[in-house]
Amino acid sequence: PTATPVTPTSTPTEPPVEPTNTPTPVETVAGEKTPGPGNQATPIPPDTGSGLGGGAAGSSMLLVILGLAAVTAGAGFVSLGRKRR
């Protein structure tokens, strides 16, 4: 009689690692994707100010209003100073 070969059972050296639910990192790129070659986003345009009457224009507008008020008052005094015939 011959001996039957016995296959050894494999014992893992480390316990199996269970997968965790960690999200994959996502890279955010500002701008829209443009059609064409490359994987670059549309660049963001530079800041061009705050528009008409914004920022430092407030003090300039105040001076314009005061100047118009002075001209109007002067014209009013001239018209009152004329004699009627």
PDB file of N, CA and C in Angstrom:
ATOM      1  N   PRO A   1       0.834  -1.196   0.000  1.00  0.00           N
ATOM      2  CA  PRO A   1       0.000   0.000   0.000  1.00  0.00           C
ATOM      3  C   PRO A   1       0.876   1.257   0.000  1.00  0.00           C
ATOM      4  N   THR A   2       0.409   2.249  -0.774  1.00  0.00           N
ATOM      5  CA  THR A   2       1.142   3.522  -0.850  1.00  0.00           C
ATOM      6  C   THR A   2       0.433   4.570  -0.017  1.00  0.00           C
ATOM      7  N   ALA A   3       1.227   5.478   0.499  1.00  0.00           N
ATOM      8  CA  ALA A   3       0.642   6.545   1.324  1.00  0.00           C
ATOM      9  C   ALA A   3       0.040   7.617   0.415  1.00  0.00           C
ATOM     10  N   THR A   4      -1.129   8.103   0.774  1.00  0.00           N
ATOM     11  CA  THR A   4      -1.756   9.175  -0.013  1.00  0.00           C
ATOM     12  C   THR A   4      -1.151  10.510   0.399  1.00  0.00           C
ATOM     13  N   PRO A   5      -0.787  11.310  -0.580  1.00  0.00           N
ATOM     14  CA  PRO A   5      -0.190  12.603  -0.217  1.00  0.00           C
ATOM     15  C   PRO A   5      -1.225  13.536   0.404  1.00  0.00           C
ATOM     16  N   VAL A   6      -0.820  14.216   1.423  1.00  0.00           N
ATOM     17  CA  VAL A   6      -1.695  15.160   2.121  1.00  0.00           C
ATOM     18  C   VAL A   6      -1.227  16.565   1.766  1.00  0.00           C
ATOM     19  N   THR A   7      -2.151  17.400   1.263  1.00  0.00           N
ATOM     20  CA  THR A   7      -1.784  18.787   0.932  1.00  0.00           C
ATOM     21  C   THR A   7      -1.862  19.627   2.195  1.00  0.00           C
ATOM     22  N   PRO A   8      -0.817  20.384   2.468  1.00  0.00           N
ATOM     23  CA  PRO A   8      -0.856  21.195   3.686  1.00  0.00           C
ATOM     24  C   PRO A   8      -1.829  22.368   3.524  1.00  0.00           C
ATOM     25  N   THR A   9      -2.496  22.702   4.597  1.00  0.00           N
ATOM     26  CA  THR A   9      -3.415  23.840   4.558  1.00  0.00           C
ATOM     27  C   THR A   9      -2.604  25.121   4.720  1.00  0.00           C
ATOM     28  N   SER A  10      -2.981  26.124   3.949  1.00  0.00           N
ATOM     29  CA  SER A  10      -2.233  27.391   4.013  1.00  0.00           C
ATOM     30  C   SER A  10      -2.787  28.249   5.148  1.00  0.00           C
ATOM     31  N   THR A  11      -1.902  28.711   5.982  1.00  0.00           N
ATOM     32  CA  THR A  11      -2.297  29.607   7.073  1.00  0.00           C
ATOM     33  C   THR A  11      -1.763  30.995   6.741  1.00  0.00           C
ATOM     34  N   PRO A  12      -2.626  31.995   6.699  1.00  0.00           N
ATOM     35  CA  PRO A  12      -2.160  33.347   6.360  1.00  0.00           C
ATOM     36  C   PRO A  12      -1.270  33.904   7.467  1.00  0.00           C
ATOM     37  N   THR A  13      -0.230  34.622   7.059  1.00  0.00           N
ATOM     38  CA  THR A  13       0.679  35.203   8.049  1.00  0.00           C
ATOM     39  C   THR A  13       0.100  36.478   8.647  1.00  0.00           C
ATOM     40  N   GLU A  14      -0.726  37.225   7.865  1.00  0.00           N
ATOM     41  CA  GLU A  14      -1.367  38.442   8.380  1.00  0.00           C
ATOM     42  C   GLU A  14      -2.862  38.308   8.179  1.00  0.00           C
ATOM     43  N   PRO A  15      -3.628  38.881   9.088  1.00  0.00           N
ATOM     44  CA  PRO A  15      -5.080  38.831   8.883  1.00  0.00           C
ATOM     45  C   PRO A  15      -5.457  39.709   7.681  1.00  0.00           C
ATOM     46  N   PRO A  16      -6.474  39.348   6.946  1.00  0.00           N
ATOM     47  CA  PRO A  16      -6.862  40.158   5.783  1.00  0.00           C
ATOM     48  C   PRO A  16      -7.355  41.545   6.223  1.00  0.00           C
ATOM     49  N   VAL A  17      -6.961  42.552   5.460  1.00  0.00           N
ATOM     50  CA  VAL A  17      -7.357  43.933   5.759  1.00  0.00           C
ATOM     51  C   VAL A  17      -8.668  44.217   5.043  1.00  0.00           C
ATOM     52  N   GLU A  18      -9.639  44.680   5.814  1.00  0.00           N
ATOM     53  CA  GLU A  18     -10.927  44.991   5.210  1.00  0.00           C
ATOM     54  C   GLU A  18     -10.866  46.389   4.601  1.00  0.00           C
ATOM     55  N   PRO A  19     -11.441  46.577   3.441  1.00  0.00           N
ATOM     56  CA  PRO A  19     -11.396  47.901   2.797  1.00  0.00           C
ATOM     57  C   PRO A  19     -12.227  48.920   3.569  1.00  0.00           C
ATOM     58  N   THR A  20     -11.734  50.141   3.621  1.00  0.00           N
ATOM     59  CA  THR A  20     -12.462  51.216   4.300  1.00  0.00           C
ATOM     60  C   THR A  20     -13.129  52.099   3.260  1.00  0.00           C
ATOM     61  N   ASN A  21     -14.126  52.816   3.676  1.00  0.00           N
ATOM     62  CA  ASN A  21     -14.861  53.693   2.769  1.00  0.00           C
ATOM     63  C   ASN A  21     -14.262  55.095   2.777  1.00  0.00           C
ATOM     64  N   THR A  22     -13.038  55.228   2.358  1.00  0.00           N
ATOM     65  CA  THR A  22     -12.424  56.557   2.267  1.00  0.00           C
ATOM     66  C   THR A  22     -12.575  57.051   0.841  1.00  0.00           C
ATOM     67  N   PRO A  23     -13.072  58.280   0.679  1.00  0.00           N
ATOM     68  CA  PRO A  23     -13.246  58.793  -0.686  1.00  0.00           C
ATOM     69  C   PRO A  23     -11.902  59.102  -1.331  1.00  0.00           C
ATOM     70  N   THR A  24     -11.870  58.976  -2.609  1.00  0.00           N
ATOM     71  CA  THR A  24     -10.641  59.311  -3.327  1.00  0.00           C
ATOM     72  C   THR A  24     -10.531  60.829  -3.425  1.00  0.00           C
ATOM     73  N   PRO A  25      -9.331  61.389  -3.293  1.00  0.00           N
ATOM     74  CA  PRO A  25      -9.194  62.849  -3.360  1.00  0.00           C
ATOM     75  C   PRO A  25      -9.541  63.369  -4.751  1.00  0.00           C
ATOM     76  N   VAL A  26     -10.238  64.515  -4.763  1.00  0.00           N
ATOM     77  CA  VAL A  26     -10.656  65.137  -6.017  1.00  0.00           C
ATOM     78  C   VAL A  26      -9.973  66.488  -6.123  1.00  0.00           C
ATOM     79  N   GLU A  27      -9.350  66.741  -7.246  1.00  0.00           N
ATOM     80  CA  GLU A  27      -8.667  68.020  -7.458  1.00  0.00           C
ATOM     81  C   GLU A  27      -9.638  68.982  -8.134  1.00  0.00           C
ATOM     82  N   THR A  28      -9.810  70.192  -7.542  1.00  0.00           N
ATOM     83  CA  THR A  28     -10.708  71.189  -8.092  1.00  0.00           C
ATOM     84  C   THR A  28      -9.902  72.220  -8.863  1.00  0.00           C
ATOM     85  N   VAL A  29     -10.277  72.440 -10.112  1.00  0.00           N
ATOM     86  CA  VAL A  29      -9.612  73.432 -10.955  1.00  0.00           C
ATOM     87  C   VAL A  29     -10.636  74.494 -11.310  1.00  0.00           C
ATOM     88  N   ALA A  30     -10.293  75.780 -11.043  1.00  0.00           N
ATOM     89  CA  ALA A  30     -11.216  76.869 -11.349  1.00  0.00           C
ATOM     90  C   ALA A  30     -11.259  77.115 -12.850  1.00  0.00           C
ATOM     91  N   GLY A  31     -12.396  77.556 -13.332  1.00  0.00           N
ATOM     92  CA  GLY A  31     -12.546  77.864 -14.747  1.00  0.00           C
ATOM     93  C   GLY A  31     -13.250  76.736 -15.479  1.00  0.00           C
ATOM     94  N   GLU A  32     -13.622  77.029 -16.707  1.00  0.00           N
ATOM     95  CA  GLU A  32     -14.296  76.027 -17.512  1.00  0.00           C
ATOM     96  C   GLU A  32     -13.307  75.319 -18.405  1.00  0.00           C
ATOM     97  N   LYS A  33     -13.654  74.109 -18.747  1.00  0.00           N
ATOM     98  CA  LYS A  33     -12.804  73.366 -19.675  1.00  0.00           C
ATOM     99  C   LYS A  33     -13.091  73.854 -21.085  1.00  0.00           C
ATOM    100  N   THR A  34     -12.049  74.116 -21.808  1.00  0.00           N
ATOM    101  CA  THR A  34     -12.200  74.561 -23.187  1.00  0.00           C
ATOM    102  C   THR A  34     -12.001  73.376 -24.115  1.00  0.00           C
ATOM    103  N   PRO A  35     -12.723  73.365 -25.223  1.00  0.00           N
ATOM    104  CA  PRO A  35     -12.512  72.276 -26.161  1.00  0.00           C
ATOM    105  C   PRO A  35     -11.155  72.426 -26.832  1.00  0.00           C
ATOM    106  N   GLY A  36     -10.593  71.339 -27.183  1.00  0.00           N
ATOM    107  CA  GLY A  36      -9.316  71.390 -27.866  1.00  0.00           C
ATOM    108  C   GLY A  36      -8.277  70.567 -27.145  1.00  0.00           C
ATOM    109  N   PRO A  37      -7.043  70.684 -27.604  1.00  0.00           N
ATOM    110  CA  PRO A  37      -5.987  69.866 -27.016  1.00  0.00           C
ATOM    111  C   PRO A  37      -5.641  70.322 -25.607  1.00  0.00           C
ATOM    112  N   GLY A  38      -5.151  69.415 -24.854  1.00  0.00           N
ATOM    113  CA  GLY A  38      -4.706  69.746 -23.499  1.00  0.00           C
ATOM    114  C   GLY A  38      -5.793  69.544 -22.483  1.00  0.00           C
ATOM    115  N   ASN A  39      -5.383  69.506 -21.257  1.00  0.00           N
ATOM    116  CA  ASN A  39      -6.313  69.299 -20.157  1.00  0.00           C
ATOM    117  C   ASN A  39      -6.245  70.495 -19.226  1.00  0.00           C
ATOM    118  N   GLN A  40      -6.144  71.697 -19.789  1.00  0.00           N
ATOM    119  CA  GLN A  40      -6.018  72.897 -18.970  1.00  0.00           C
ATOM    120  C   GLN A  40      -7.350  73.621 -18.915  1.00  0.00           C
ATOM    121  N   ALA A  41      -7.613  74.263 -17.790  1.00  0.00           N
ATOM    122  CA  ALA A  41      -8.847  75.011 -17.621  1.00  0.00           C
ATOM    123  C   ALA A  41      -8.656  76.435 -18.123  1.00  0.00           C
ATOM    124  N   THR A  42      -9.781  77.098 -18.370  1.00  0.00           N
ATOM    125  CA  THR A  42      -9.741  78.496 -18.787  1.00  0.00           C
ATOM    126  C   THR A  42      -9.239  79.334 -17.624  1.00  0.00           C
ATOM    127  N   PRO A  43      -8.279  80.227 -17.837  1.00  0.00           N
ATOM    128  CA  PRO A  43      -7.781  81.038 -16.722  1.00  0.00           C
ATOM    129  C   PRO A  43      -8.815  82.054 -16.263  1.00  0.00           C
ATOM    130  N   ILE A  44      -8.749  82.418 -14.987  1.00  0.00           N
ATOM    131  CA  ILE A  44      -9.660  83.402 -14.421  1.00  0.00           C
ATOM    132  C   ILE A  44      -9.139  84.790 -14.780  1.00  0.00           C
ATOM    133  N   PRO A  45      -9.993  85.689 -15.299  1.00  0.00           N
ATOM    134  CA  PRO A  45      -9.520  87.022 -15.678  1.00  0.00           C
ATOM    135  C   PRO A  45      -9.172  87.850 -14.447  1.00  0.00           C
ATOM    136  N   PRO A  46      -8.325  88.852 -14.599  1.00  0.00           N
ATOM    137  CA  PRO A  46      -7.959  89.687 -13.453  1.00  0.00           C
ATOM    138  C   PRO A  46      -9.108  90.587 -13.023  1.00  0.00           C
ATOM    139  N   ASP A  47      -9.055  91.057 -11.804  1.00  0.00           N
ATOM    140  CA  ASP A  47     -10.063  91.965 -11.272  1.00  0.00           C
ATOM    141  C   ASP A  47      -9.893  93.329 -11.922  1.00  0.00           C
ATOM    142  N   THR A  48     -10.985  93.903 -12.448  1.00  0.00           N
ATOM    143  CA  THR A  48     -10.890  95.177 -13.155  1.00  0.00           C
ATOM    144  C   THR A  48     -11.541  96.321 -12.402  1.00  0.00           C
ATOM    145  N   GLY A  49     -11.803  96.166 -11.128  1.00  0.00           N
ATOM    146  CA  GLY A  49     -12.375  97.264 -10.350  1.00  0.00           C
ATOM    147  C   GLY A  49     -13.820  97.010  -9.992  1.00  0.00           C
ATOM    148  N   SER A  50     -14.436  98.026  -9.386  1.00  0.00           N
ATOM    149  CA  SER A  50     -15.798  97.862  -8.900  1.00  0.00           C
ATOM    150  C   SER A  50     -16.816  98.619  -9.731  1.00  0.00           C
ATOM    151  N   GLY A  51     -16.436  99.178 -10.868  1.00  0.00           N
ATOM    152  CA  GLY A  51     -17.401  99.807 -11.752  1.00  0.00           C
ATOM    153  C   GLY A  51     -17.583 101.290 -11.482  1.00  0.00           C
ATOM    154  N   LEU A  52     -18.567 101.867 -12.172  1.00  0.00           N
ATOM    155  CA  LEU A  52     -18.828 103.302 -12.091  1.00  0.00           C
ATOM    156  C   LEU A  52     -19.366 103.668 -10.706  1.00  0.00           C
ATOM    157  N   GLY A  53     -18.783 104.669 -10.089  1.00  0.00           N
ATOM    158  CA  GLY A  53     -19.254 105.143  -8.793  1.00  0.00           C
ATOM    159  C   GLY A  53     -18.851 104.272  -7.625  1.00  0.00           C
ATOM    160  N   GLY A  54     -17.959 103.342  -7.811  1.00  0.00           N
ATOM    161  CA  GLY A  54     -17.552 102.473  -6.716  1.00  0.00           C
ATOM    162  C   GLY A  54     -16.129 102.745  -6.299  1.00  0.00           C
ATOM    163  N   GLY A  55     -15.781 102.329  -5.119  1.00  0.00           N
ATOM    164  CA  GLY A  55     -14.403 102.488  -4.646  1.00  0.00           C
ATOM    165  C   GLY A  55     -14.058 103.930  -4.340  1.00  0.00           C
ATOM    166  N   ALA A  56     -12.993 104.445  -4.949  1.00  0.00           N
ATOM    167  CA  ALA A  56     -12.517 105.803  -4.673  1.00  0.00           C
ATOM    168  C   ALA A  56     -13.326 106.859  -5.405  1.00  0.00           C
ATOM    169  N   ALA A  57     -14.281 106.466  -6.251  1.00  0.00           N
ATOM    170  CA  ALA A  57     -15.068 107.439  -7.001  1.00  0.00           C
ATOM    171  C   ALA A  57     -16.095 108.138  -6.122  1.00  0.00           C
ATOM    172  N   GLY A  58     -16.322 107.667  -4.905  1.00  0.00           N
ATOM    173  CA  GLY A  58     -17.316 108.289  -4.027  1.00  0.00           C
ATOM    174  C   GLY A  58     -16.961 109.717  -3.664  1.00  0.00           C
ATOM    175  N   SER A  59     -15.703 109.977  -3.347  1.00  0.00           N
ATOM    176  CA  SER A  59     -15.303 111.345  -2.998  1.00  0.00           C
ATOM    177  C   SER A  59     -15.341 112.242  -4.222  1.00  0.00           C
ATOM    178  N   SER A  60     -15.031 111.723  -5.395  1.00  0.00           N
ATOM    179  CA  SER A  60     -15.103 112.515  -6.625  1.00  0.00           C
ATOM    180  C   SER A  60     -16.545 112.898  -6.924  1.00  0.00           C
ATOM    181  N   MET A  61     -17.456 111.973  -6.727  1.00  0.00           N
ATOM    182  CA  MET A  61     -18.874 112.282  -6.958  1.00  0.00           C
ATOM    183  C   MET A  61     -19.366 113.340  -5.984  1.00  0.00           C
ATOM    184  N   LEU A  62     -18.872 113.311  -4.749  1.00  0.00           N
ATOM    185  CA  LEU A  62     -19.253 114.327  -3.770  1.00  0.00           C
ATOM    186  C   LEU A  62     -18.785 115.702  -4.219  1.00  0.00           C
ATOM    187  N   LEU A  63     -17.577 115.794  -4.742  1.00  0.00           N
ATOM    188  CA  LEU A  63     -17.071 117.076  -5.239  1.00  0.00           C
ATOM    189  C   LEU A  63     -17.874 117.563  -6.440  1.00  0.00           C
ATOM    190  N   VAL A  64     -18.287 116.691  -7.316  1.00  0.00           N
ATOM    191  CA  VAL A  64     -19.104 117.074  -8.472  1.00  0.00           C
ATOM    192  C   VAL A  64     -20.453 117.610  -8.015  1.00  0.00           C
ATOM    193  N   ILE A  65     -21.059 116.946  -7.053  1.00  0.00           N
ATOM    194  CA  ILE A  65     -22.365 117.396  -6.549  1.00  0.00           C
ATOM    195  C   ILE A  65     -22.240 118.750  -5.867  1.00  0.00           C
ATOM    196  N   LEU A  66     -21.194 118.949  -5.070  1.00  0.00           N
ATOM    197  CA  LEU A  66     -20.993 120.246  -4.413  1.00  0.00           C
ATOM    198  C   LEU A  66     -20.735 121.344  -5.440  1.00  0.00           C
ATOM    199  N   GLY A  67     -19.987 121.055  -6.487  1.00  0.00           N
ATOM    200  CA  GLY A  67     -19.733 122.042  -7.542  1.00  0.00           C
ATOM    201  C   GLY A  67     -21.004 122.428  -8.270  1.00  0.00           C
ATOM    202  N   LEU A  68     -21.835 121.445  -8.600  1.00  0.00           N
ATOM    203  CA  LEU A  68     -23.105 121.756  -9.264  1.00  0.00           C
ATOM    204  C   LEU A  68     -24.028 122.567  -8.359  1.00  0.00           C
ATOM    205  N   ALA A  69     -24.025 122.278  -7.072  1.00  0.00           N
ATOM    206  CA  ALA A  69     -24.849 123.046  -6.130  1.00  0.00           C
ATOM    207  C   ALA A  69     -24.361 124.487  -6.053  1.00  0.00           C
ATOM    208  N   ALA A  70     -23.042 124.713  -6.071  1.00  0.00           N
ATOM    209  CA  ALA A  70     -22.497 126.072  -6.019  1.00  0.00           C
ATOM    210  C   ALA A  70     -22.851 126.846  -7.283  1.00  0.00           C
ATOM    211  N   VAL A  71     -22.756 126.215  -8.440  1.00  0.00           N
ATOM    212  CA  VAL A  71     -23.111 126.891  -9.697  1.00  0.00           C
ATOM    213  C   VAL A  71     -24.599 127.219  -9.722  1.00  0.00           C
ATOM    214  N   THR A  72     -25.428 126.312  -9.257  1.00  0.00           N
ATOM    215  CA  THR A  72     -26.871 126.545  -9.227  1.00  0.00           C
ATOM    216  C   THR A  72     -27.219 127.690  -8.279  1.00  0.00           C
ATOM    217  N   ALA A  73     -26.587 127.715  -7.101  1.00  0.00           N
ATOM    218  CA  ALA A  73     -26.850 128.806  -6.145  1.00  0.00           C
ATOM    219  C   ALA A  73     -26.374 130.138  -6.708  1.00  0.00           C
ATOM    220  N   GLY A  74     -25.228 130.155  -7.355  1.00  0.00           N
ATOM    221  CA  GLY A  74     -24.731 131.396  -7.961  1.00  0.00           C
ATOM    222  C   GLY A  74     -25.657 131.899  -9.047  1.00  0.00           C
ATOM    223  N   ALA A  75     -26.156 131.016  -9.895  1.00  0.00           N
ATOM    224  CA  ALA A  75     -27.091 131.425 -10.946  1.00  0.00           C
ATOM    225  C   ALA A  75     -28.392 131.932 -10.340  1.00  0.00           C
ATOM    226  N   GLY A  76     -28.804 131.344  -9.245  1.00  0.00           N
ATOM    227  CA  GLY A  76     -30.022 131.813  -8.575  1.00  0.00           C
ATOM    228  C   GLY A  76     -29.855 133.209  -8.008  1.00  0.00           C
ATOM    229  N   PHE A  77     -28.707 133.505  -7.394  1.00  0.00           N
ATOM    230  CA  PHE A  77     -28.461 134.848  -6.853  1.00  0.00           C
ATOM    231  C   PHE A  77     -28.361 135.881  -7.976  1.00  0.00           C
ATOM    232  N   VAL A  78     -27.776 135.506  -9.099  1.00  0.00           N
ATOM    233  CA  VAL A  78     -27.685 136.433 -10.236  1.00  0.00           C
ATOM    234  C   VAL A  78     -29.079 136.750 -10.756  1.00  0.00           C
ATOM    235  N   SER A  79     -29.930 135.756 -10.867  1.00  0.00           N
ATOM    236  CA  SER A  79     -31.279 136.002 -11.378  1.00  0.00           C
ATOM    237  C   SER A  79     -32.107 136.809 -10.387  1.00  0.00           C
ATOM    238  N   LEU A  80     -31.884 136.665  -9.087  1.00  0.00           N
ATOM    239  CA  LEU A  80     -32.603 137.461  -8.090  1.00  0.00           C
ATOM    240  C   LEU A  80     -32.089 138.898  -8.059  1.00  0.00           C
ATOM    241  N   GLY A  81     -30.829 139.098  -8.393  1.00  0.00           N
ATOM    242  CA  GLY A  81     -30.244 140.436  -8.355  1.00  0.00           C
ATOM    243  C   GLY A  81     -30.651 141.311  -9.528  1.00  0.00           C
ATOM    244  N   ARG A  82     -31.166 140.768 -10.596  1.00  0.00           N
ATOM    245  CA  ARG A  82     -31.590 141.570 -11.735  1.00  0.00           C
ATOM    246  C   ARG A  82     -32.879 142.297 -11.411  1.00  0.00           C
ATOM    247  N   LYS A  83     -32.927 143.498 -11.877  1.00  0.00           N
ATOM    248  CA  LYS A  83     -34.150 144.279 -11.662  1.00  0.00           C
ATOM    249  C   LYS A  83     -35.127 143.995 -12.790  1.00  0.00           C
ATOM    250  N   ARG A  84     -36.367 143.962 -12.435  1.00  0.00           N
ATOM    251  CA  ARG A  84     -37.394 143.754 -13.448  1.00  0.00           C
ATOM    252  C   ARG A  84     -37.771 145.104 -14.047  1.00  0.00           C
ATOM    253  N   ARG A  85     -38.077 145.161 -15.280  1.00  0.00           N
ATOM    254  CA  ARG A  85     -38.482 146.420 -15.918  1.00  0.00           C
ATOM    255  C   ARG A  85     -39.931 146.445 -16.209  1.00  0.00           C
TER     256      ARG A  85
END
